[in-house]
Amino acid sequence: MYSLSQLEKQQVGLRLPRYLIEQLDELASSHSLNRTDLIFEAIRSYLEKQKEERFYEEFAQGVSELKQIQKGGKAGMPLSELIDEL
Protein backbone atom coordinates (compact mmCIF):
# COMPACT_ATOMS: atom_id res chain seq x y z
CA MET A 1 0.00 0.00 0.00
CA TYR A 2 1.12 3.55 -0.60
CA SER A 3 1.40 6.31 1.99
CA LEU A 4 -0.53 9.55 1.61
CA SER A 5 2.64 11.37 0.58
CA GLN A 6 3.26 8.80 -2.16
CA LEU A 7 -0.28 9.29 -3.46
CA GLU A 8 0.18 13.05 -3.74
CA LYS A 9 0.10 14.05 -7.38
CA GLN A 10 2.99 15.81 -9.04
CA GLN A 11 2.92 17.55 -12.38
CA VAL A 12 5.24 16.31 -15.12
CA GLY A 13 5.82 17.54 -18.65
CA LEU A 14 5.44 15.25 -21.59
CA ARG A 15 5.93 15.77 -25.30
CA LEU A 16 4.27 13.33 -27.68
CA PRO A 17 3.76 13.24 -31.42
CA ARG A 18 0.50 14.84 -32.51
CA TYR A 19 -0.89 11.56 -33.87
CA LEU A 20 -0.54 9.97 -30.40
CA ILE A 21 -2.29 12.91 -28.77
CA GLU A 22 -5.13 12.58 -31.26
CA GLN A 23 -5.42 8.86 -30.52
CA LEU A 24 -5.29 9.54 -26.78
CA ASP A 25 -8.02 12.14 -27.04
CA GLU A 26 -10.20 9.84 -29.12
CA LEU A 27 -9.79 6.95 -26.69
CA ALA A 28 -10.26 9.17 -23.66
CA SER A 29 -13.43 10.61 -25.13
CA SER A 30 -14.88 7.19 -25.94
CA HIS A 31 -14.31 6.09 -22.31
CA SER A 32 -15.35 9.38 -20.69
CA LEU A 33 -11.84 9.96 -19.36
CA ASN A 34 -9.43 12.84 -19.64
CA ARG A 35 -5.87 12.61 -20.95
CA THR A 36 -4.39 12.52 -17.47
CA ASP A 37 -6.55 9.60 -16.39
CA LEU A 38 -5.78 7.67 -19.56
CA ILE A 39 -2.02 8.29 -19.40
CA PHE A 40 -2.02 7.48 -15.67
CA GLU A 41 -3.75 4.14 -16.28
CA ALA A 42 -1.48 3.29 -19.23
CA ILE A 43 1.67 3.96 -17.19
CA ARG A 44 0.34 2.12 -14.13
CA SER A 45 -0.61 -0.89 -16.26
CA TYR A 46 2.75 -0.91 -18.05
CA LEU A 47 4.72 -0.74 -14.80
CA GLU A 48 2.63 -3.53 -13.27
CA LYS A 49 3.23 -5.72 -16.33
CA GLN A 50 6.99 -5.07 -16.15
CA LYS A 51 7.01 -5.95 -12.45
CA GLU A 52 5.12 -9.18 -13.17
CA GLU A 53 7.48 -10.14 -16.00
CA ARG A 54 10.51 -9.46 -13.80
CA PHE A 55 9.00 -11.67 -11.05
CA TYR A 56 8.46 -14.58 -13.44
CA GLU A 57 11.95 -14.21 -14.93
CA GLU A 58 13.47 -14.33 -11.44
CA PHE A 59 11.23 -17.25 -10.53
CA ALA A 60 12.32 -19.16 -13.65
CA GLN A 61 15.95 -18.44 -12.78
CA GLY A 62 15.39 -19.77 -9.26
CA VAL A 63 13.73 -22.93 -10.61
CA SER A 64 16.65 -23.43 -12.99
CA GLU A 65 19.15 -23.04 -10.14
CA LEU A 66 17.20 -25.51 -7.98
CA LYS A 67 17.21 -28.03 -10.83
CA GLN A 68 20.98 -27.65 -11.07
CA ILE A 69 21.30 -28.17 -7.34
CA GLN A 70 19.11 -31.28 -7.50
CA LYS A 71 21.34 -32.74 -10.17
CA GLY A 72 24.62 -32.21 -8.40
CA GLY A 73 24.07 -30.39 -5.16
CA LYS A 74 25.99 -27.35 -4.01
CA ALA A 75 29.57 -28.51 -3.59
CA GLY A 76 28.29 -32.02 -2.94
CA MET A 77 25.63 -30.87 -0.48
CA PRO A 78 22.35 -32.84 -0.73
CA LEU A 79 19.25 -30.80 -1.55
CA SER A 80 17.69 -31.50 1.86
CA GLU A 81 20.73 -29.97 3.62
CA LEU A 82 20.68 -26.98 1.29
CA ILE A 83 17.00 -26.40 2.07
CA ASP A 84 17.74 -26.64 5.79
CA GLU A 85 20.54 -24.12 5.30
CA LEU A 86 18.12 -21.69 3.67
PDB file of N, CA and C in Angstrom:
ATOM      1  N   MET A   1       0.841  -1.175   0.000  1.00  0.00           N
ATOM      2  CA  MET A   1       0.000   0.000   0.000  1.00  0.00           C
ATOM      3  C   MET A   1       0.892   1.247   0.000  1.00  0.00           C
ATOM      4  N   TYR A   2       0.361   2.314  -0.498  1.00  0.00           N
ATOM      5  CA  TYR A   2       1.123   3.546  -0.596  1.00  0.00           C
ATOM      6  C   TYR A   2       0.724   4.507   0.515  1.00  0.00           C
ATOM      7  N   SER A   3       1.684   5.300   0.971  1.00  0.00           N
ATOM      8  CA  SER A   3       1.398   6.309   1.989  1.00  0.00           C
ATOM      9  C   SER A   3       0.711   7.506   1.330  1.00  0.00           C
ATOM     10  N   LEU A   4       0.145   8.358   2.145  1.00  0.00           N
ATOM     11  CA  LEU A   4      -0.525   9.553   1.607  1.00  0.00           C
ATOM     12  C   LEU A   4       0.440  10.424   0.818  1.00  0.00           C
ATOM     13  N   SER A   5       1.673  10.542   1.300  1.00  0.00           N
ATOM     14  CA  SER A   5       2.644  11.375   0.581  1.00  0.00           C
ATOM     15  C   SER A   5       2.992  10.771  -0.780  1.00  0.00           C
ATOM     16  N   GLN A   6       2.974   9.444  -0.881  1.00  0.00           N
ATOM     17  CA  GLN A   6       3.262   8.800  -2.157  1.00  0.00           C
ATOM     18  C   GLN A   6       2.090   8.952  -3.137  1.00  0.00           C
ATOM     19  N   LEU A   7       0.902   9.130  -2.609  1.00  0.00           N
ATOM     20  CA  LEU A   7      -0.277   9.288  -3.461  1.00  0.00           C
ATOM     21  C   LEU A   7      -0.467  10.725  -3.937  1.00  0.00           C
ATOM     22  N   GLU A   8       0.290  11.641  -3.335  1.00  0.00           N
ATOM     23  CA  GLU A   8       0.184  13.049  -3.742  1.00  0.00           C
ATOM     24  C   GLU A   8       0.596  13.178  -5.203  1.00  0.00           C
ATOM     25  N   LYS A   9      -0.183  13.917  -5.953  1.00  0.00           N
ATOM     26  CA  LYS A   9       0.097  14.054  -7.383  1.00  0.00           C
ATOM     27  C   LYS A   9       1.144  15.133  -7.629  1.00  0.00           C
ATOM     28  N   GLN A  10       1.935  14.892  -8.651  1.00  0.00           N
ATOM     29  CA  GLN A  10       2.991  15.812  -9.044  1.00  0.00           C
ATOM     30  C   GLN A  10       2.897  16.020 -10.544  1.00  0.00           C
ATOM     31  N   GLN A  11       3.019  17.231 -10.954  1.00  0.00           N
ATOM     32  CA  GLN A  11       2.917  17.548 -12.378  1.00  0.00           C
ATOM     33  C   GLN A  11       4.218  17.203 -13.086  1.00  0.00           C
ATOM     34  N   VAL A  12       4.087  16.612 -14.284  1.00  0.00           N
ATOM     35  CA  VAL A  12       5.243  16.308 -15.125  1.00  0.00           C
ATOM     36  C   VAL A  12       4.951  16.804 -16.536  1.00  0.00           C
ATOM     37  N   GLY A  13       5.983  17.116 -17.256  1.00  0.00           N
ATOM     38  CA  GLY A  13       5.824  17.545 -18.646  1.00  0.00           C
ATOM     39  C   GLY A  13       6.044  16.362 -19.565  1.00  0.00           C
ATOM     40  N   LEU A  14       5.345  16.368 -20.668  1.00  0.00           N
ATOM     41  CA  LEU A  14       5.435  15.250 -21.590  1.00  0.00           C
ATOM     42  C   LEU A  14       5.210  15.761 -23.008  1.00  0.00           C
ATOM     43  N   ARG A  15       6.082  15.402 -23.894  1.00  0.00           N
ATOM     44  CA  ARG A  15       5.927  15.768 -25.299  1.00  0.00           C
ATOM     45  C   ARG A  15       5.704  14.491 -26.091  1.00  0.00           C
ATOM     46  N   LEU A  16       4.620  14.490 -26.861  1.00  0.00           N
ATOM     47  CA  LEU A  16       4.273  13.330 -27.677  1.00  0.00           C
ATOM     48  C   LEU A  16       3.961  13.790 -29.092  1.00  0.00           C
ATOM     49  N   PRO A  17       4.136  12.892 -30.055  1.00  0.00           N
ATOM     50  CA  PRO A  17       3.761  13.243 -31.420  1.00  0.00           C
ATOM     51  C   PRO A  17       2.252  13.526 -31.491  1.00  0.00           C
ATOM     52  N   ARG A  18       1.904  14.420 -32.373  1.00  0.00           N
ATOM     53  CA  ARG A  18       0.504  14.844 -32.511  1.00  0.00           C
ATOM     54  C   ARG A  18      -0.439  13.661 -32.748  1.00  0.00           C
ATOM     55  N   TYR A  19      -0.004  12.692 -33.579  1.00  0.00           N
ATOM     56  CA  TYR A  19      -0.891  11.564 -33.866  1.00  0.00           C
ATOM     57  C   TYR A  19      -1.221  10.769 -32.598  1.00  0.00           C
ATOM     58  N   LEU A  20      -0.261  10.672 -31.654  1.00  0.00           N
ATOM     59  CA  LEU A  20      -0.545   9.973 -30.398  1.00  0.00           C
ATOM     60  C   LEU A  20      -1.522  10.763 -29.534  1.00  0.00           C
ATOM     61  N   ILE A  21      -1.365  12.068 -29.530  1.00  0.00           N
ATOM     62  CA  ILE A  21      -2.290  12.914 -28.771  1.00  0.00           C
ATOM     63  C   ILE A  21      -3.703  12.758 -29.326  1.00  0.00           C
ATOM     64  N   GLU A  22      -3.810  12.744 -30.644  1.00  0.00           N
ATOM     65  CA  GLU A  22      -5.126  12.577 -31.264  1.00  0.00           C
ATOM     66  C   GLU A  22      -5.736  11.226 -30.885  1.00  0.00           C
ATOM     67  N   GLN A  23      -4.914  10.176 -30.901  1.00  0.00           N
ATOM     68  CA  GLN A  23      -5.416   8.856 -30.521  1.00  0.00           C
ATOM     69  C   GLN A  23      -5.792   8.815 -29.040  1.00  0.00           C
ATOM     70  N   LEU A  24      -4.980   9.449 -28.208  1.00  0.00           N
ATOM     71  CA  LEU A  24      -5.292   9.541 -26.775  1.00  0.00           C
ATOM     72  C   LEU A  24      -6.625  10.237 -26.558  1.00  0.00           C
ATOM     73  N   ASP A  25      -6.792  11.370 -27.207  1.00  0.00           N
ATOM     74  CA  ASP A  25      -8.023  12.143 -27.038  1.00  0.00           C
ATOM     75  C   ASP A  25      -9.243  11.354 -27.513  1.00  0.00           C
ATOM     76  N   GLU A  26      -9.093  10.642 -28.610  1.00  0.00           N
ATOM     77  CA  GLU A  26     -10.204   9.840 -29.124  1.00  0.00           C
ATOM     78  C   GLU A  26     -10.566   8.723 -28.147  1.00  0.00           C
ATOM     79  N   LEU A  27      -9.555   8.029 -27.649  1.00  0.00           N
ATOM     80  CA  LEU A  27      -9.790   6.950 -26.693  1.00  0.00           C
ATOM     81  C   LEU A  27     -10.358   7.476 -25.379  1.00  0.00           C
ATOM     82  N   ALA A  28      -9.784   8.563 -24.904  1.00  0.00           N
ATOM     83  CA  ALA A  28     -10.264   9.167 -23.657  1.00  0.00           C
ATOM     84  C   ALA A  28     -11.723   9.571 -23.793  1.00  0.00           C
ATOM     85  N   SER A  29     -12.060  10.172 -24.902  1.00  0.00           N
ATOM     86  CA  SER A  29     -13.432  10.612 -25.132  1.00  0.00           C
ATOM     87  C   SER A  29     -14.394   9.430 -25.167  1.00  0.00           C
ATOM     88  N   SER A  30     -13.989   8.354 -25.818  1.00  0.00           N
ATOM     89  CA  SER A  30     -14.876   7.193 -25.937  1.00  0.00           C
ATOM     90  C   SER A  30     -15.084   6.479 -24.606  1.00  0.00           C
ATOM     91  N   HIS A  31     -14.187   6.710 -23.641  1.00  0.00           N
ATOM     92  CA  HIS A  31     -14.307   6.090 -22.313  1.00  0.00           C
ATOM     93  C   HIS A  31     -14.645   7.108 -21.229  1.00  0.00           C
ATOM     94  N   SER A  32     -15.011   8.299 -21.640  1.00  0.00           N
ATOM     95  CA  SER A  32     -15.353   9.385 -20.689  1.00  0.00           C
ATOM     96  C   SER A  32     -14.235   9.634 -19.681  1.00  0.00           C
ATOM     97  N   LEU A  33     -13.015   9.671 -20.174  1.00  0.00           N
ATOM     98  CA  LEU A  33     -11.843   9.963 -19.355  1.00  0.00           C
ATOM     99  C   LEU A  33     -11.166  11.215 -19.896  1.00  0.00           C
ATOM    100  N   ASN A  34     -10.257  11.762 -19.104  1.00  0.00           N
ATOM    101  CA  ASN A  34      -9.433  12.842 -19.639  1.00  0.00           C
ATOM    102  C   ASN A  34      -8.046  12.284 -19.938  1.00  0.00           C
ATOM    103  N   ARG A  35      -7.210  13.073 -20.587  1.00  0.00           N
ATOM    104  CA  ARG A  35      -5.870  12.611 -20.952  1.00  0.00           C
ATOM    105  C   ARG A  35      -5.092  12.117 -19.742  1.00  0.00           C
ATOM    106  N   THR A  36      -5.149  12.882 -18.674  1.00  0.00           N
ATOM    107  CA  THR A  36      -4.388  12.525 -17.475  1.00  0.00           C
ATOM    108  C   THR A  36      -4.776  11.144 -16.970  1.00  0.00           C
ATOM    109  N   ASP A  37      -6.093  10.903 -16.883  1.00  0.00           N
ATOM    110  CA  ASP A  37      -6.545   9.597 -16.395  1.00  0.00           C
ATOM    111  C   ASP A  37      -6.090   8.467 -17.309  1.00  0.00           C
ATOM    112  N   LEU A  38      -6.170   8.691 -18.600  1.00  0.00           N
ATOM    113  CA  LEU A  38      -5.782   7.668 -19.561  1.00  0.00           C
ATOM    114  C   LEU A  38      -4.273   7.404 -19.507  1.00  0.00           C
ATOM    115  N   ILE A  39      -3.480   8.453 -19.475  1.00  0.00           N
ATOM    116  CA  ILE A  39      -2.023   8.287 -19.401  1.00  0.00           C
ATOM    117  C   ILE A  39      -1.631   7.645 -18.072  1.00  0.00           C
ATOM    118  N   PHE A  40      -2.270   8.061 -16.987  1.00  0.00           N
ATOM    119  CA  PHE A  40      -2.021   7.479 -15.668  1.00  0.00           C
ATOM    120  C   PHE A  40      -2.263   5.970 -15.703  1.00  0.00           C
ATOM    121  N   GLU A  41      -3.406   5.560 -16.240  1.00  0.00           N
ATOM    122  CA  GLU A  41      -3.751   4.138 -16.280  1.00  0.00           C
ATOM    123  C   GLU A  41      -2.801   3.363 -17.194  1.00  0.00           C
ATOM    124  N   ALA A  42      -2.412   3.959 -18.312  1.00  0.00           N
ATOM    125  CA  ALA A  42      -1.481   3.288 -19.231  1.00  0.00           C
ATOM    126  C   ALA A  42      -0.126   3.070 -18.564  1.00  0.00           C
ATOM    127  N   ILE A  43       0.375   4.078 -17.868  1.00  0.00           N
ATOM    128  CA  ILE A  43       1.671   3.955 -17.188  1.00  0.00           C
ATOM    129  C   ILE A  43       1.583   2.956 -16.052  1.00  0.00           C
ATOM    130  N   ARG A  44       0.509   3.041 -15.254  1.00  0.00           N
ATOM    131  CA  ARG A  44       0.338   2.124 -14.131  1.00  0.00           C
ATOM    132  C   ARG A  44       0.284   0.678 -14.635  1.00  0.00           C
ATOM    133  N   SER A  45      -0.474   0.448 -15.688  1.00  0.00           N
ATOM    134  CA  SER A  45      -0.615  -0.887 -16.262  1.00  0.00           C
ATOM    135  C   SER A  45       0.729  -1.389 -16.798  1.00  0.00           C
ATOM    136  N   TYR A  46       1.449  -0.525 -17.496  1.00  0.00           N
ATOM    137  CA  TYR A  46       2.753  -0.908 -18.053  1.00  0.00           C
ATOM    138  C   TYR A  46       3.733  -1.283 -16.944  1.00  0.00           C
ATOM    139  N   LEU A  47       3.796  -0.467 -15.903  1.00  0.00           N
ATOM    140  CA  LEU A  47       4.720  -0.744 -14.799  1.00  0.00           C
ATOM    141  C   LEU A  47       4.363  -2.040 -14.088  1.00  0.00           C
ATOM    142  N   GLU A  48       3.083  -2.292 -13.903  1.00  0.00           N
ATOM    143  CA  GLU A  48       2.633  -3.532 -13.270  1.00  0.00           C
ATOM    144  C   GLU A  48       3.019  -4.739 -14.115  1.00  0.00           C
ATOM    145  N   LYS A  49       2.864  -4.621 -15.424  1.00  0.00           N
ATOM    146  CA  LYS A  49       3.234  -5.718 -16.328  1.00  0.00           C
ATOM    147  C   LYS A  49       4.742  -5.973 -16.273  1.00  0.00           C
ATOM    148  N   GLN A  50       5.545  -4.909 -16.234  1.00  0.00           N
ATOM    149  CA  GLN A  50       6.990  -5.067 -16.153  1.00  0.00           C
ATOM    150  C   GLN A  50       7.391  -5.743 -14.846  1.00  0.00           C
ATOM    151  N   LYS A  51       6.741  -5.358 -13.764  1.00  0.00           N
ATOM    152  CA  LYS A  51       7.012  -5.949 -12.450  1.00  0.00           C
ATOM    153  C   LYS A  51       6.669  -7.446 -12.465  1.00  0.00           C
ATOM    154  N   GLU A  52       5.547  -7.779 -13.075  1.00  0.00           N
ATOM    155  CA  GLU A  52       5.119  -9.177 -13.173  1.00  0.00           C
ATOM    156  C   GLU A  52       6.104  -9.980 -14.012  1.00  0.00           C
ATOM    157  N   GLU A  53       6.525  -9.442 -15.142  1.00  0.00           N
ATOM    158  CA  GLU A  53       7.481 -10.140 -15.997  1.00  0.00           C
ATOM    159  C   GLU A  53       8.808 -10.357 -15.282  1.00  0.00           C
ATOM    160  N   ARG A  54       9.260  -9.344 -14.550  1.00  0.00           N
ATOM    161  CA  ARG A  54      10.508  -9.463 -13.795  1.00  0.00           C
ATOM    162  C   ARG A  54      10.390 -10.566 -12.744  1.00  0.00           C
ATOM    163  N   PHE A  55       9.229 -10.628 -12.062  1.00  0.00           N
ATOM    164  CA  PHE A  55       9.000 -11.670 -11.051  1.00  0.00           C
ATOM    165  C   PHE A  55       9.117 -13.050 -11.671  1.00  0.00           C
ATOM    166  N   TYR A  56       8.442 -13.262 -12.811  1.00  0.00           N
ATOM    167  CA  TYR A  56       8.460 -14.578 -13.442  1.00  0.00           C
ATOM    168  C   TYR A  56       9.840 -14.927 -14.001  1.00  0.00           C
ATOM    169  N   GLU A  57      10.575 -13.946 -14.471  1.00  0.00           N
ATOM    170  CA  GLU A  57      11.948 -14.207 -14.926  1.00  0.00           C
ATOM    171  C   GLU A  57      12.811 -14.653 -13.755  1.00  0.00           C
ATOM    172  N   GLU A  58      12.687 -13.959 -12.621  1.00  0.00           N
ATOM    173  CA  GLU A  58      13.466 -14.326 -11.437  1.00  0.00           C
ATOM    174  C   GLU A  58      13.028 -15.690 -10.901  1.00  0.00           C
ATOM    175  N   PHE A  59      11.735 -15.960 -10.971  1.00  0.00           N
ATOM    176  CA  PHE A  59      11.225 -17.254 -10.529  1.00  0.00           C
ATOM    177  C   PHE A  59      11.793 -18.369 -11.404  1.00  0.00           C
ATOM    178  N   ALA A  60      11.776 -18.163 -12.722  1.00  0.00           N
ATOM    179  CA  ALA A  60      12.317 -19.161 -13.651  1.00  0.00           C
ATOM    180  C   ALA A  60      13.800 -19.387 -13.393  1.00  0.00           C
ATOM    181  N   GLN A  61      14.523 -18.315 -13.093  1.00  0.00           N
ATOM    182  CA  GLN A  61      15.953 -18.443 -12.782  1.00  0.00           C
ATOM    183  C   GLN A  61      16.141 -19.270 -11.515  1.00  0.00           C
ATOM    184  N   GLY A  62      15.305 -19.010 -10.511  1.00  0.00           N
ATOM    185  CA  GLY A  62      15.388 -19.775  -9.262  1.00  0.00           C
ATOM    186  C   GLY A  62      15.089 -21.245  -9.482  1.00  0.00           C
ATOM    187  N   VAL A  63      14.076 -21.541 -10.299  1.00  0.00           N
ATOM    188  CA  VAL A  63      13.734 -22.929 -10.609  1.00  0.00           C
ATOM    189  C   VAL A  63      14.909 -23.602 -11.318  1.00  0.00           C
ATOM    190  N   SER A  64      15.504 -22.890 -12.257  1.00  0.00           N
ATOM    191  CA  SER A  64      16.651 -23.426 -12.985  1.00  0.00           C
ATOM    192  C   SER A  64      17.809 -23.735 -12.033  1.00  0.00           C
ATOM    193  N   GLU A  65      18.070 -22.821 -11.112  1.00  0.00           N
ATOM    194  CA  GLU A  65      19.149 -23.036 -10.142  1.00  0.00           C
ATOM    195  C   GLU A  65      18.840 -24.223  -9.235  1.00  0.00           C
ATOM    196  N   LEU A  66      17.575 -24.364  -8.822  1.00  0.00           N
ATOM    197  CA  LEU A  66      17.203 -25.506  -7.981  1.00  0.00           C
ATOM    198  C   LEU A  66      17.366 -26.822  -8.733  1.00  0.00           C
ATOM    199  N   LYS A  67      17.029 -26.822 -10.030  1.00  0.00           N
ATOM    200  CA  LYS A  67      17.212 -28.030 -10.826  1.00  0.00           C
ATOM    201  C   LYS A  67      18.684 -28.408 -10.891  1.00  0.00           C
ATOM    202  N   GLN A  68      19.536 -27.400 -11.049  1.00  0.00           N
ATOM    203  CA  GLN A  68      20.980 -27.652 -11.074  1.00  0.00           C
ATOM    204  C   GLN A  68      21.448 -28.226  -9.744  1.00  0.00           C
ATOM    205  N   ILE A  69      20.922 -27.689  -8.665  1.00  0.00           N
ATOM    206  CA  ILE A  69      21.301 -28.168  -7.335  1.00  0.00           C
ATOM    207  C   ILE A  69      20.844 -29.602  -7.152  1.00  0.00           C
ATOM    208  N   GLN A  70      19.626 -29.914  -7.620  1.00  0.00           N
ATOM    209  CA  GLN A  70      19.107 -31.278  -7.503  1.00  0.00           C
ATOM    210  C   GLN A  70      19.991 -32.271  -8.240  1.00  0.00           C
ATOM    211  N   LYS A  71      20.515 -31.837  -9.365  1.00  0.00           N
ATOM    212  CA  LYS A  71      21.345 -32.737 -10.166  1.00  0.00           C
ATOM    213  C   LYS A  71      22.676 -33.020  -9.481  1.00  0.00           C
ATOM    214  N   GLY A  72      23.293 -31.989  -8.941  1.00  0.00           N
ATOM    215  CA  GLY A  72      24.624 -32.210  -8.399  1.00  0.00           C
ATOM    216  C   GLY A  72      24.825 -31.683  -7.004  1.00  0.00           C
ATOM    217  N   GLY A  73      23.898 -30.958  -6.489  1.00  0.00           N
ATOM    218  CA  GLY A  73      24.068 -30.389  -5.160  1.00  0.00           C
ATOM    219  C   GLY A  73      25.054 -29.250  -5.183  1.00  0.00           C
ATOM    220  N   LYS A  74      25.053 -28.476  -4.140  1.00  0.00           N
ATOM    221  CA  LYS A  74      25.986 -27.349  -4.007  1.00  0.00           C
ATOM    222  C   LYS A  74      27.240 -27.874  -3.329  1.00  0.00           C
ATOM    223  N   ALA A  75      28.297 -27.993  -4.088  1.00  0.00           N
ATOM    224  CA  ALA A  75      29.565 -28.508  -3.592  1.00  0.00           C
ATOM    225  C   ALA A  75      29.353 -29.840  -2.879  1.00  0.00           C
ATOM    226  N   GLY A  76      28.521 -30.711  -3.503  1.00  0.00           N
ATOM    227  CA  GLY A  76      28.287 -32.022  -2.938  1.00  0.00           C
ATOM    228  C   GLY A  76      27.234 -32.066  -1.844  1.00  0.00           C
ATOM    229  N   MET A  77      26.629 -30.921  -1.545  1.00  0.00           N
ATOM    230  CA  MET A  77      25.630 -30.871  -0.484  1.00  0.00           C
ATOM    231  C   MET A  77      24.304 -31.406  -1.008  1.00  0.00           C
ATOM    232  N   PRO A  78      23.671 -32.356  -0.302  1.00  0.00           N
ATOM    233  CA  PRO A  78      22.345 -32.839  -0.725  1.00  0.00           C
ATOM    234  C   PRO A  78      21.311 -31.722  -0.654  1.00  0.00           C
ATOM    235  N   LEU A  79      20.288 -31.829  -1.483  1.00  0.00           N
ATOM    236  CA  LEU A  79      19.246 -30.804  -1.554  1.00  0.00           C
ATOM    237  C   LEU A  79      18.595 -30.588  -0.189  1.00  0.00           C
ATOM    238  N   SER A  80      18.339 -31.639   0.549  1.00  0.00           N
ATOM    239  CA  SER A  80      17.687 -31.498   1.862  1.00  0.00           C
ATOM    240  C   SER A  80      18.530 -30.643   2.807  1.00  0.00           C
ATOM    241  N   GLU A  81      19.851 -30.795   2.775  1.00  0.00           N
ATOM    242  CA  GLU A  81      20.729 -29.973   3.621  1.00  0.00           C
ATOM    243  C   GLU A  81      20.739 -28.526   3.153  1.00  0.00           C
ATOM    244  N   LEU A  82      20.716 -28.341   1.830  1.00  0.00           N
ATOM    245  CA  LEU A  82      20.681 -26.978   1.291  1.00  0.00           C
ATOM    246  C   LEU A  82      19.404 -26.280   1.710  1.00  0.00           C
ATOM    247  N   ILE A  83      18.279 -26.986   1.646  1.00  0.00           N
ATOM    248  CA  ILE A  83      17.001 -26.403   2.071  1.00  0.00           C
ATOM    249  C   ILE A  83      17.047 -26.048   3.547  1.00  0.00           C
ATOM    250  N   ASP A  84      17.602 -26.927   4.353  1.00  0.00           N
ATOM    251  CA  ASP A  84      17.742 -26.644   5.795  1.00  0.00           C
ATOM    252  C   ASP A  84      18.609 -25.407   6.026  1.00  0.00           C
ATOM    253  N   GLU A  85      19.635 -25.261   5.190  1.00  0.00           N
ATOM    254  CA  GLU A  85      20.541 -24.122   5.300  1.00  0.00           C
ATOM    255  C   GLU A  85      19.806 -22.807   4.993  1.00  0.00           C
ATOM    256  N   LEU A  86      18.888 -22.878   4.043  1.00  0.00           N
ATOM    257  CA  LEU A  86      18.120 -21.687   3.675  1.00  0.00           C
ATOM    258  C   LEU A  86      17.190 -21.321   4.780  1.00  0.00           C
TER     259      LEU A  86
END
